[in-house]
Protein backbone atom coordinates (compact mmCIF):
# COMPACT_ATOMS: atom_id res chain seq x y z
CA UNK A 1 9.49 20.05 -28.03
CA UNK A 2 11.11 18.10 -30.82
CA UNK A 3 13.87 15.53 -30.82
CA UNK A 4 16.29 18.28 -31.92
CA UNK A 5 16.22 19.62 -28.35
CA UNK A 6 17.91 16.45 -27.08
CA UNK A 7 21.49 15.26 -27.44
CA UNK A 8 22.18 12.23 -29.63
CA UNK A 9 22.63 10.13 -26.49
CA UNK A 10 19.28 11.25 -25.08
CA UNK A 11 17.59 10.59 -28.43
CA UNK A 12 18.89 7.00 -28.42
CA UNK A 13 17.59 6.47 -24.88
CA UNK A 14 14.16 7.82 -25.82
CA UNK A 15 13.98 5.64 -28.94
CA UNK A 16 14.96 2.50 -27.00
CA UNK A 17 12.34 3.30 -24.37
CA UNK A 18 9.57 3.44 -26.96
CA UNK A 19 10.87 0.35 -28.77
CA UNK A 20 10.62 -1.58 -25.49
CA UNK A 21 7.43 -0.02 -24.11
CA UNK A 22 5.59 -3.37 -24.26
CA UNK A 23 8.19 -5.15 -22.16
CA UNK A 24 8.34 -2.22 -19.73
CA UNK A 25 4.54 -2.20 -19.35
CA UNK A 26 4.45 -5.96 -18.87
CA UNK A 27 7.14 -5.74 -16.20
CA UNK A 28 5.17 -2.97 -14.46
CA UNK A 29 2.00 -5.06 -14.57
CA UNK A 30 3.78 -8.02 -12.99
CA UNK A 31 5.08 -5.74 -10.22
CA UNK A 32 1.56 -4.45 -9.64
CA UNK A 33 0.33 -8.02 -9.04
CA UNK A 34 2.60 -8.38 -6.01
CA UNK A 35 1.61 -4.94 -4.75
CA UNK A 36 -2.10 -5.79 -5.11
CA UNK A 37 -1.71 -8.88 -2.94
CA UNK A 38 -0.08 -6.84 -0.17
CA UNK A 39 -2.00 -3.53 -0.28
CA UNK A 40 -5.13 -2.61 1.61
CA UNK A 41 -7.66 0.23 1.58
CA UNK A 42 -7.07 3.36 -0.48
CA UNK A 43 -3.65 2.22 -1.66
CA UNK A 44 -5.18 -0.92 -3.12
CA UNK A 45 -7.79 1.13 -5.01
CA UNK A 46 -5.03 3.31 -6.49
CA UNK A 47 -3.12 0.19 -7.53
CA UNK A 48 -6.22 -1.15 -9.32
CA UNK A 49 -6.41 2.11 -11.28
CA UNK A 50 -2.74 1.79 -12.22
CA UNK A 51 -3.32 -1.83 -13.21
CA UNK A 52 -6.19 -0.81 -15.51
CA UNK A 53 -4.03 1.87 -17.16
CA UNK A 54 -1.19 -0.60 -17.64
CA UNK A 55 -3.51 -3.19 -19.19
CA UNK A 56 -4.83 -0.54 -21.60
CA UNK A 57 -1.27 0.31 -22.66
CA UNK A 58 -0.69 -3.38 -23.38
CA UNK A 59 -3.77 -3.52 -25.62
CA UNK A 60 -5.86 -5.81 -23.42
CA UNK A 61 -9.50 -5.74 -24.62
CA UNK A 62 -11.65 -3.37 -22.55
CA UNK A 63 -14.17 -6.12 -21.79
CA UNK A 64 -11.44 -8.18 -20.14
CA UNK A 65 -10.16 -5.18 -18.19
CA UNK A 66 -13.69 -4.50 -16.96
CA UNK A 67 -14.08 -8.14 -15.92
CA UNK A 68 -10.81 -8.12 -13.97
CA UNK A 69 -11.68 -4.82 -12.28
CA UNK A 70 -15.13 -6.10 -11.35
CA UNK A 71 -13.66 -9.23 -9.74
CA UNK A 72 -10.72 -7.38 -8.11
CA UNK A 73 -8.75 -10.58 -7.80
CA UNK A 74 -4.97 -10.22 -8.18
CA UNK A 75 -4.77 -13.83 -9.39
CA UNK A 76 -6.67 -12.81 -12.54
CA UNK A 77 -4.03 -10.18 -13.26
CA UNK A 78 -1.30 -12.75 -12.56
CA UNK A 79 -2.93 -15.09 -15.10
CA UNK A 80 -3.02 -12.28 -17.65
CA UNK A 81 0.67 -11.53 -17.08
CA UNK A 82 1.51 -15.21 -17.56
CA UNK A 83 -0.56 -15.29 -20.76
CA UNK A 84 1.09 -12.13 -22.13
CA UNK A 85 4.56 -13.43 -21.33
CA UNK A 86 3.76 -16.56 -23.31
CA UNK A 87 2.97 -14.46 -26.38
CA UNK A 88 6.40 -12.85 -26.48
């Protein structure tokens, strides 16, 4: 399915989404931090998986992702978010 299948308006929305994917992923990661603090059980495990996927999208080195997942401490993710926000 090519871009020709979309209206001009839809094409602009899609382009802006991909131009801002880093900011969107960073925002999602910061939201996940709050959810990780509050979640328990299976929901928390699912959130950790989402957190790992989000960190991969942001280009976080796999060794650091593995370290954070091994520790399972939301404060480590919060520190990463703070660090990434400082880079922008």
